[in-house]
C-alpha cells in the first residue's frame, strides 16, 4: 500500500520500538508531541491518535480533528480522554487494560517490603562492629503473613495484588469495590464496607480510577480511622488521596508509613508535603515501567489498526459516569 493510501497516525508520547515498527508497516506514522507548535496542523489530517498519559483528548482537541476515527491509549487510565465526547463524534477509543497488571502488583509488594522490613543498607563503607550490632539488635520488621491487607478497588491490579498477598505471603485480604467481584477472585478475600476497611487494615492499597467523585476519596476523615501502625500505598491516581492529610498523619505518628507513585499535579510541585520523611517512599510514576509492561501498552496499536480497518477492537474503552 502506498503512503498516500495509508491512514495517518499521530503518536504524541512515543511507543516501544517493536509495536511502533509494526504500525509503520501499516500506516503513515508521525511522531509529534501534543504541545508541539505544529501539532494542530498535523491533527487536521489525522485518522488516528496514539497517546499515553499526558495528552488531553477533549472537545477542544476533537474540534480540530475532522478525520479522526480512533484514539489509542497506551495504558490503563482514561482520565485524559473524554471517551463520551469521542463516541458522540463516532470516534472509537481503545486502551490496554491488561498491559501492566503484573508490573504494578509486583511494585506494590516491593513497597510493602521496604516499609515493613527496614533494610538498613550499607553501600560506601561497612558498618563498624558496634553500629553493625546496634542495628541488628534494634531494627525489627513485621512479617506479611501477620498482617491484613485492605484493597480499595478490586479491579485487575487489585486482584493481582490480592492473589500475591494471600497465596504468596499468607496475608488476610479484605476489600471494597463498587461491584460484586467475588466470583472473579482466586484467593480468599472478604468484601467489607469502607469504614471497616479503613479501620481494620495494616496495609491499605489504593486501586481506584479517577471517575467523578473520587477526588480526595481517601482524605482526613478516612485516614483518621486507620490504625497508628498501618501504612498507606497509592499507585492508582494522585487525585484520590489527600496528601496534606496524609502528611499530617505521618508527622503526628498516626500512621506508620506511606508510599506514593502517583501525584496531583504530576510531577508534584516544590514544597510537596510528604518530602523529608524516613518512612515515606516517593517514586516518579514507575509502577508500570517494566520492559514487558511498556511493550504491552504500546501494542494498543493492534486495536487501533483494527478500528481503522473496520474491525471490532478487543479492548474498546468503557464510558464511566
Protein backbone atom coordinates (compact mmCIF):
# COMPACT_ATOMS: atom_id res chain seq x y z
CA UNK A 1 0.00 0.00 0.00
CA UNK A 2 1.41 3.41 -0.96
CA UNK A 3 1.83 6.10 1.69
CA UNK A 4 -0.97 8.12 0.13
CA UNK A 5 -3.41 5.27 0.80
CA UNK A 6 -2.25 4.57 4.33
CA UNK A 7 -4.03 6.10 7.31
CA UNK A 8 -2.21 8.85 9.18
CA UNK A 9 -1.47 8.13 12.85
CA UNK A 10 -0.12 10.80 15.19
CA UNK A 11 2.00 9.42 18.05
CA UNK A 12 2.24 12.03 20.79
CA UNK A 13 4.20 10.37 23.62
CA UNK A 14 6.30 7.70 21.99
CA UNK A 15 5.99 3.94 21.74
CA UNK A 16 8.15 0.89 22.22
CA UNK A 17 10.18 0.10 19.07
CA UNK A 18 8.60 -3.21 18.04
CA UNK A 19 4.94 -2.08 18.13
CA UNK A 20 5.90 1.24 16.52
CA UNK A 21 7.64 -0.56 13.65
CA UNK A 22 4.60 -2.81 13.26
CA UNK A 23 2.46 0.30 12.99
CA UNK A 24 4.82 1.95 10.49
CA UNK A 25 4.36 -1.01 8.17
CA UNK A 26 0.63 -0.33 8.07
CA UNK A 27 0.21 3.41 8.45
CA UNK A 28 1.88 6.78 7.99
CA UNK A 29 3.27 7.45 11.44
CA UNK A 30 4.01 11.00 12.54
CA UNK A 31 5.64 11.36 15.96
CA UNK A 32 4.79 14.78 17.35
CA UNK A 33 4.22 15.97 20.91
CA UNK A 34 0.76 17.24 21.79
CA UNK A 35 2.26 20.61 22.80
CA UNK A 36 4.41 20.98 19.67
CA UNK A 37 3.57 24.15 17.68
CA UNK A 38 2.83 22.05 14.59
CA UNK A 39 0.53 19.55 16.30
CA UNK A 40 -2.74 21.29 15.40
CA UNK A 41 -1.86 21.39 11.73
CA UNK A 42 -1.00 17.67 11.69
CA UNK A 43 -4.19 16.85 13.59
CA UNK A 44 -6.33 18.13 10.73
CA UNK A 45 -5.26 15.18 8.55
CA UNK A 46 -5.00 12.52 11.26
CA UNK A 47 -7.06 9.33 11.05
CA UNK A 48 -5.83 8.07 14.41
CA UNK A 49 -4.17 9.34 17.55
CA UNK A 50 -1.87 7.28 19.78
CA UNK A 51 -1.40 8.77 23.28
CA UNK A 52 -0.27 7.83 26.77
CA UNK A 53 -0.83 9.78 29.99
CA UNK A 54 -0.35 13.48 29.36
CA UNK A 55 -2.10 14.16 26.05
CA UNK A 56 -5.55 15.60 26.79
CA UNK A 57 -8.13 14.41 24.29
CA UNK A 58 -11.10 16.70 24.91
CA UNK A 59 -13.69 18.67 22.96
CA UNK A 60 -11.19 21.40 22.14
CA UNK A 61 -8.79 18.91 20.55
CA UNK A 62 -11.51 16.92 18.81
CA UNK A 63 -12.91 20.05 17.17
CA UNK A 64 -9.66 20.31 15.23
CA UNK A 65 -9.62 16.66 14.12
CA UNK A 66 -12.25 16.27 11.37
CA UNK A 67 -10.90 12.95 10.05
CA UNK A 68 -10.15 11.27 13.38
CA UNK A 69 -11.58 7.74 13.65
CA UNK A 70 -9.83 6.24 16.67
CA UNK A 71 -7.83 7.23 19.75
CA UNK A 72 -5.48 4.62 21.21
CA UNK A 73 -4.39 4.97 24.83
CA UNK A 74 -1.24 3.02 25.63
CA UNK A 75 -2.13 2.30 29.24
CA UNK A 76 -4.98 1.68 31.66
CA UNK A 77 -6.29 5.03 32.90
CA UNK A 78 -8.63 7.00 30.67
CA UNK A 79 -8.81 10.23 32.67
CA UNK A 80 -7.03 12.20 29.95
CA UNK A 81 -9.55 11.13 27.28
CA UNK A 82 -13.15 12.32 27.05
CA UNK A 83 -14.48 8.97 25.89
CA UNK A 84 -18.10 10.16 25.68
CA UNK A 85 -17.14 13.14 23.51
CA UNK A 86 -15.19 10.83 21.20
CA UNK A 87 -18.10 8.43 20.83
CA UNK A 88 -20.51 11.31 20.08
CA UNK A 89 -18.31 12.12 17.12
CA UNK A 90 -18.11 8.49 16.01
CA UNK A 91 -14.53 8.15 17.23
CA UNK A 92 -13.60 4.86 18.89
CA UNK A 93 -11.32 4.77 21.93
CA UNK A 94 -9.16 1.72 22.66
CA UNK A 95 -6.78 1.01 25.54
CA UNK A 96 -4.72 -1.73 27.20
CA UNK A 97 -6.37 -2.71 30.50
CA UNK A 98 -4.27 -5.88 30.96
CA UNK A 99 -0.89 -4.43 29.98
CA UNK A 100 0.63 -3.52 33.35
CA UNK A 101 -1.34 -5.61 35.86
CA UNK A 102 1.58 -7.84 36.82
CA UNK A 103 4.06 -4.98 36.94
CA UNK A 104 2.01 -2.83 39.31
CA UNK A 105 1.13 -5.76 41.56
CA UNK A 106 4.84 -6.58 41.95
CA UNK A 107 5.65 -2.95 42.65
CA UNK A 108 3.15 -2.68 45.50
CA UNK A 109 4.61 -5.77 47.15
CA UNK A 110 8.03 -4.14 46.87
CA UNK A 111 6.69 -1.02 48.58
CA UNK A 112 5.27 -3.13 51.40
CA UNK A 113 8.52 -4.98 52.00
CA UNK A 114 10.57 -1.78 52.07
CA UNK A 115 8.24 -0.11 54.58
CA UNK A 116 7.62 -3.12 56.80
CA UNK A 117 11.10 -4.68 56.76
CA UNK A 118 13.70 -1.90 57.27
CA UNK A 119 16.81 -2.99 55.39
CA UNK A 120 19.46 -0.60 56.73
CA UNK A 121 21.65 -0.92 53.62
CA UNK A 122 25.33 -0.08 53.70
CA UNK A 123 26.99 0.98 50.47
CA UNK A 124 30.01 3.27 50.72
CA UNK A 125 31.62 1.53 53.68
CA UNK A 126 30.85 -1.28 56.10
CA UNK A 127 29.33 -0.54 59.48
CA UNK A 128 31.76 -0.53 62.38
CA UNK A 129 31.24 -3.52 64.66
CA UNK A 130 29.41 -1.56 67.33
CA UNK A 131 26.99 0.04 64.83
CA UNK A 132 26.51 -3.26 63.00
CA UNK A 133 25.44 -4.91 66.25
CA UNK A 134 23.31 -1.95 67.32
CA UNK A 135 21.32 -2.05 64.08
CA UNK A 136 20.98 -5.81 64.20
CA UNK A 137 19.79 -5.69 67.82
CA UNK A 138 17.30 -2.86 67.36
CA UNK A 139 15.86 -2.94 63.84
CA UNK A 140 12.73 -5.06 63.68
CA UNK A 141 10.18 -5.63 60.98
CA UNK A 142 6.91 -7.49 60.69
CA UNK A 143 6.05 -10.50 58.53
CA UNK A 144 3.42 -10.08 55.85
CA UNK A 145 1.58 -13.21 56.96
CA UNK A 146 0.81 -11.44 60.24
CA UNK A 147 -0.98 -8.56 58.52
CA UNK A 148 -4.30 -7.64 56.97
CA UNK A 149 -4.15 -6.07 53.51
CA UNK A 150 -7.01 -3.79 52.51
CA UNK A 151 -7.58 -3.14 48.81
CA UNK A 152 -9.72 -0.19 47.75
CA UNK A 153 -10.79 -1.04 44.21
CA UNK A 154 -10.68 -4.72 43.26
CA UNK A 155 -10.04 -4.35 39.54
CA UNK A 156 -7.31 -6.12 37.60
CA UNK A 157 -4.41 -4.73 39.63
CA UNK A 158 -6.25 -5.08 42.93
CA UNK A 159 -6.98 -8.73 42.17
CA UNK A 160 -3.37 -9.39 41.17
CA UNK A 161 -2.14 -7.80 44.41
CA UNK A 162 -4.63 -9.79 46.46
CA UNK A 163 -3.56 -13.01 44.71
CA UNK A 164 0.12 -12.42 45.54
CA UNK A 165 -0.58 -11.27 49.09
CA UNK A 166 -2.93 -14.11 50.04
CA UNK A 167 -1.47 -17.02 48.08
CA UNK A 168 2.17 -15.98 48.23
CA UNK A 169 2.57 -14.35 51.63
CA UNK A 170 -0.41 -15.65 53.59
CA UNK A 171 -1.86 -12.20 54.26
CA UNK A 172 -5.50 -11.76 55.20
CA UNK A 173 -7.18 -9.75 52.43
CA UNK A 174 -10.24 -7.54 52.72
CA UNK A 175 -11.51 -5.18 50.05
CA UNK A 176 -14.11 -2.66 48.98
CA UNK A 177 -15.37 -2.27 45.44
CA UNK A 178 -18.41 -0.76 43.73
CA UNK A 179 -19.13 -4.11 42.07
CA UNK A 180 -19.58 -7.66 43.32
CA UNK A 181 -16.32 -9.22 42.14
CA UNK A 182 -16.21 -12.23 44.46
CA UNK A 183 -16.66 -14.68 41.58
CA UNK A 184 -13.52 -13.26 39.91
CA UNK A 185 -11.23 -13.93 42.87
CA UNK A 186 -8.86 -16.91 43.01
CA UNK A 187 -7.80 -16.22 46.59
CA UNK A 188 -9.57 -15.87 49.95
CA UNK A 189 -10.82 -12.31 50.47
CA UNK A 190 -13.73 -10.65 52.23
CA UNK A 191 -15.75 -7.71 50.91
CA UNK A 192 -16.31 -5.03 53.56
CA UNK A 193 -17.69 -1.52 53.73
CA UNK A 194 -15.29 1.41 53.63
CA UNK A 195 -15.31 2.21 57.38
CA UNK A 196 -14.41 -1.41 58.16
CA UNK A 197 -11.70 -1.35 55.51
CA UNK A 198 -10.02 1.78 56.86
CA UNK A 199 -10.34 0.82 60.49
CA UNK A 200 -9.10 -2.77 60.17
CA UNK A 201 -6.15 -2.86 57.79
CA UNK A 202 -2.43 -2.93 58.45
CA UNK A 203 -1.77 -2.05 54.80
CA UNK A 204 -4.18 -0.01 52.66
CA UNK A 205 -3.51 -0.07 48.92
CA UNK A 206 -5.49 2.18 46.57
CA UNK A 207 -6.53 0.86 43.15
CA UNK A 208 -9.42 3.08 42.06
CA UNK A 209 -9.82 5.12 38.90
CA UNK A 210 -10.36 8.85 38.71
CA UNK A 211 -14.07 8.88 37.99
CA UNK A 212 -16.10 11.94 39.10
CA UNK A 213 -16.47 11.97 42.88
CA UNK A 214 -13.19 10.20 43.60
CA UNK A 215 -11.26 13.39 44.34
CA UNK A 216 -9.77 13.03 47.85
CA UNK A 217 -11.67 9.76 48.24
CA UNK A 218 -9.18 8.90 50.98
CA UNK A 219 -8.99 12.10 53.00
CA UNK A 220 -8.63 13.40 56.51
CA UNK A 221 -11.74 11.63 57.81
CA UNK A 222 -10.77 8.24 56.40
CA UNK A 223 -7.10 8.46 57.43
CA UNK A 224 -8.14 9.39 60.99
CA UNK A 225 -9.84 6.00 61.40
CA UNK A 226 -6.75 3.97 60.42
CA UNK A 227 -4.55 2.22 62.98
CA UNK A 228 -1.33 4.00 64.08
CA UNK A 229 0.71 1.02 62.87
CA UNK A 230 -0.84 0.98 59.39
CA UNK A 231 0.78 2.01 56.12
CA UNK A 232 -0.91 3.51 53.04
CA UNK A 233 0.12 2.88 49.42
CA UNK A 234 -1.16 4.71 46.34
CA UNK A 235 -0.28 3.54 42.83
CA UNK A 236 -3.65 4.47 41.29
CA UNK A 237 -4.21 8.21 40.75
CA UNK A 238 -2.82 11.13 42.70
CA UNK A 239 -6.18 12.88 42.88
CA UNK A 240 -7.82 10.20 45.02
CA UNK A 241 -5.62 10.87 48.06
CA UNK A 242 -5.44 13.96 50.28
CA UNK A 243 -1.66 14.25 50.63
CA UNK A 244 -1.87 17.08 53.17
CA UNK A 245 -3.99 14.94 55.49
CA UNK A 246 -1.59 12.04 54.95
CA UNK A 247 1.43 14.22 55.75
CA UNK A 248 -0.21 15.37 58.99
CA UNK A 249 -0.89 11.77 59.99
CA UNK A 250 2.71 10.74 59.26
CA UNK A 251 4.12 13.74 61.13
CA UNK A 252 1.90 13.09 64.15
CA UNK A 253 2.72 9.35 64.09
CA UNK A 254 -0.91 8.42 63.46
CA UNK A 255 0.30 6.26 60.56
CA UNK A 256 3.46 4.16 60.39
CA UNK A 257 4.36 4.95 56.78
CA UNK A 258 3.25 5.59 53.22
CA UNK A 259 4.34 5.06 49.63
CA UNK A 260 3.17 7.09 46.63
CA UNK A 261 3.89 6.54 42.95
CA UNK A 262 1.27 8.99 41.60
CA UNK A 263 0.65 12.67 42.26
CA UNK A 264 -1.65 15.60 41.54
CA UNK A 265 -0.25 17.51 39.76
CA UNK A 266 2.38 15.32 38.22
CA UNK A 267 5.20 15.91 38.81
CA UNK A 268 4.48 17.32 42.28
CA UNK A 269 5.39 20.92 42.95
CA UNK A 270 8.17 22.23 45.14
CA UNK A 271 7.17 22.04 48.80
CA UNK A 272 5.25 18.78 48.38
CA UNK A 273 4.11 17.95 51.96
CA UNK A 274 5.43 14.38 52.10
CA UNK A 275 9.08 15.24 51.49
CA UNK A 276 11.67 14.55 54.17
CA UNK A 277 10.11 11.58 55.99
CA UNK A 278 12.19 8.44 56.50
CA UNK A 279 9.04 6.31 56.48
CA UNK A 280 7.60 7.69 53.22
CA UNK A 281 8.59 6.32 49.80
CA UNK A 282 8.03 8.57 46.78
CA UNK A 283 8.65 7.35 43.23
CA UNK A 284 8.08 9.11 39.87
CA UNK A 285 5.16 7.06 38.46
CA UNK A 286 7.27 3.93 37.93
CA UNK A 287 4.92 1.10 38.94
CA UNK A 288 4.09 0.12 35.37
CA UNK A 289 7.55 0.75 33.94
CA UNK A 290 8.86 -2.73 33.25
CA UNK A 291 10.18 -3.63 29.82
CA UNK A 292 7.34 -6.09 29.27
CA UNK A 293 4.57 -3.80 30.51
CA UNK A 294 5.75 -0.90 28.40
CA UNK A 295 5.76 -3.05 25.28
CA UNK A 296 2.35 -4.46 26.20
CA UNK A 297 0.93 -0.93 26.48
CA UNK A 298 2.39 0.00 23.10
CA UNK A 299 0.59 -2.93 21.46
CA UNK A 300 -2.59 -0.87 21.64
CA UNK A 301 -1.64 -0.28 18.01
CA UNK A 302 -3.27 -3.62 17.15
CA UNK A 303 -6.69 -2.40 18.27
CA UNK A 304 -6.04 1.00 16.72
CA UNK A 305 -5.42 -0.60 13.32
CA UNK A 306 -8.37 -2.94 13.76
CA UNK A 307 -10.69 0.07 14.03
CA UNK A 308 -9.11 1.73 11.01
CA UNK A 309 -9.70 -1.49 9.04
CA UNK A 310 -13.35 -1.65 10.06
CA UNK A 311 -12.91 -4.45 12.60
CA UNK A 312 -14.10 -4.72 16.19
CA UNK A 313 -11.35 -3.92 18.71
CA UNK A 314 -10.53 -6.28 21.58
CA UNK A 315 -10.47 -3.53 24.20
CA UNK A 316 -12.89 -0.66 23.50
CA UNK A 317 -12.84 1.87 26.31
CA UNK A 318 -15.83 1.98 28.66
CA UNK A 319 -17.71 5.23 29.26
CA UNK A 320 -17.64 5.87 33.01
CA UNK A 321 -20.23 8.02 34.71
